[in-house]
């Protein structure tokens, strides 16, 4: 077995790791005994406590705030093809148990015990996103394992996330194996969609909201009017039209996304019921409010307004304004479906800003159900950062 260089922790800094967390911060290291500058980005290390007790095997990046991430608590297991095969196979078995069709997040980083790695599956095509130097060091092995396990027609590396810059990694979108067509098709519920893996947002599709879109179906009545804010390629809006809504307006700031909404609506035979509007979310809501235009269902699924903890105050103000406007254009008796994918904003805080919007709008609300990310985005019990998505279903009285 290869002997790994040692990374020593400061006094009492192992408690969080022993509880199951995977992250080690630079200020938790005994810099005198094991100076960070002695390591190279992506190198594998054996993590030990101040007293020399082995804690786990990790990879390190001395230039990042989260300077190391534990990949194994078994002393003979290190990050390589064998461990990747074991963990990806384990993740695959879980998804195949949960999903009839092969459209899901196959690997969700720390929650699947592979920190820094995300893999989305679109049938015969895979999209891989690597966000850390340690995982980037085994990039070719990841591709090899996926080829052996799934024999995909194409593997795309969507390594263009801003998180890579924090790790000192380059930004790129490359086809690692096979071919990737301009558009790929997926199914969700009873609906079909086409998305661009090469140019779409993130990895092309937001699988994390799929279960919440399933829950939406029960709130759509025949003839409902729906306003879908931050619609992207129409996942919420098209499914609402399939469920019986006869007037759906999809609002997004991207022309490319809205063109795909139209194609997706046509694919599902609901093009007569789905309209698109290129607009800023806040501006469109203000215009609807000014015109006294109201809807039976309002869906608010914005990008994260709070990317860092220091953005919390400003971000909460944005969520407050968005939800207040959303309630203003919601009919009495209507349903508000509102989401936040900002980890730093708790579910209770999202509910509170919606409540404040209701007070301002002088309406009463009933919370019907909570939603969270789907089962293909499992939450690691020891890593609260893996639970980020909050969705509320509310009734305006």
Foldseek 3Di string as FASTA:
>chain_A
DDAFAEWEFDAPLCPLVVVPFFFDFPVGTPCVVPNLVVDDFQGKHFYAYPVGHTAAIWGAQSQARRGITGQGRPPPDDDALVSLLVLLVVLQVVVVVVDPAQFFWSDAAVVSSHHQWTWTTAHLEIEIEGQGRNVVVHVVSNVVSCCVPRVGQWYKYQHADPSNVSRVDDGDIDIPDHDDDQWGWHDADPFIAIWGCRDAPDRTDQQQCRVVLVVCLVQADAQFAEEEEQQQQNPNQLSSVVSHHQAYEYEHQDPVRPVRVLVRNVRVPNNNRYHYDNDHLLVVLVVCLVVLAAGQEYEADDAAQDADLVSVVVRLVVLLSNLLSSVSRYDAQHKYKYKHQALNQDLVSSVVSNVVSCVVSVWDKDWDDKDFTDPSQDDDPSDSSSTGMIITIMHTD
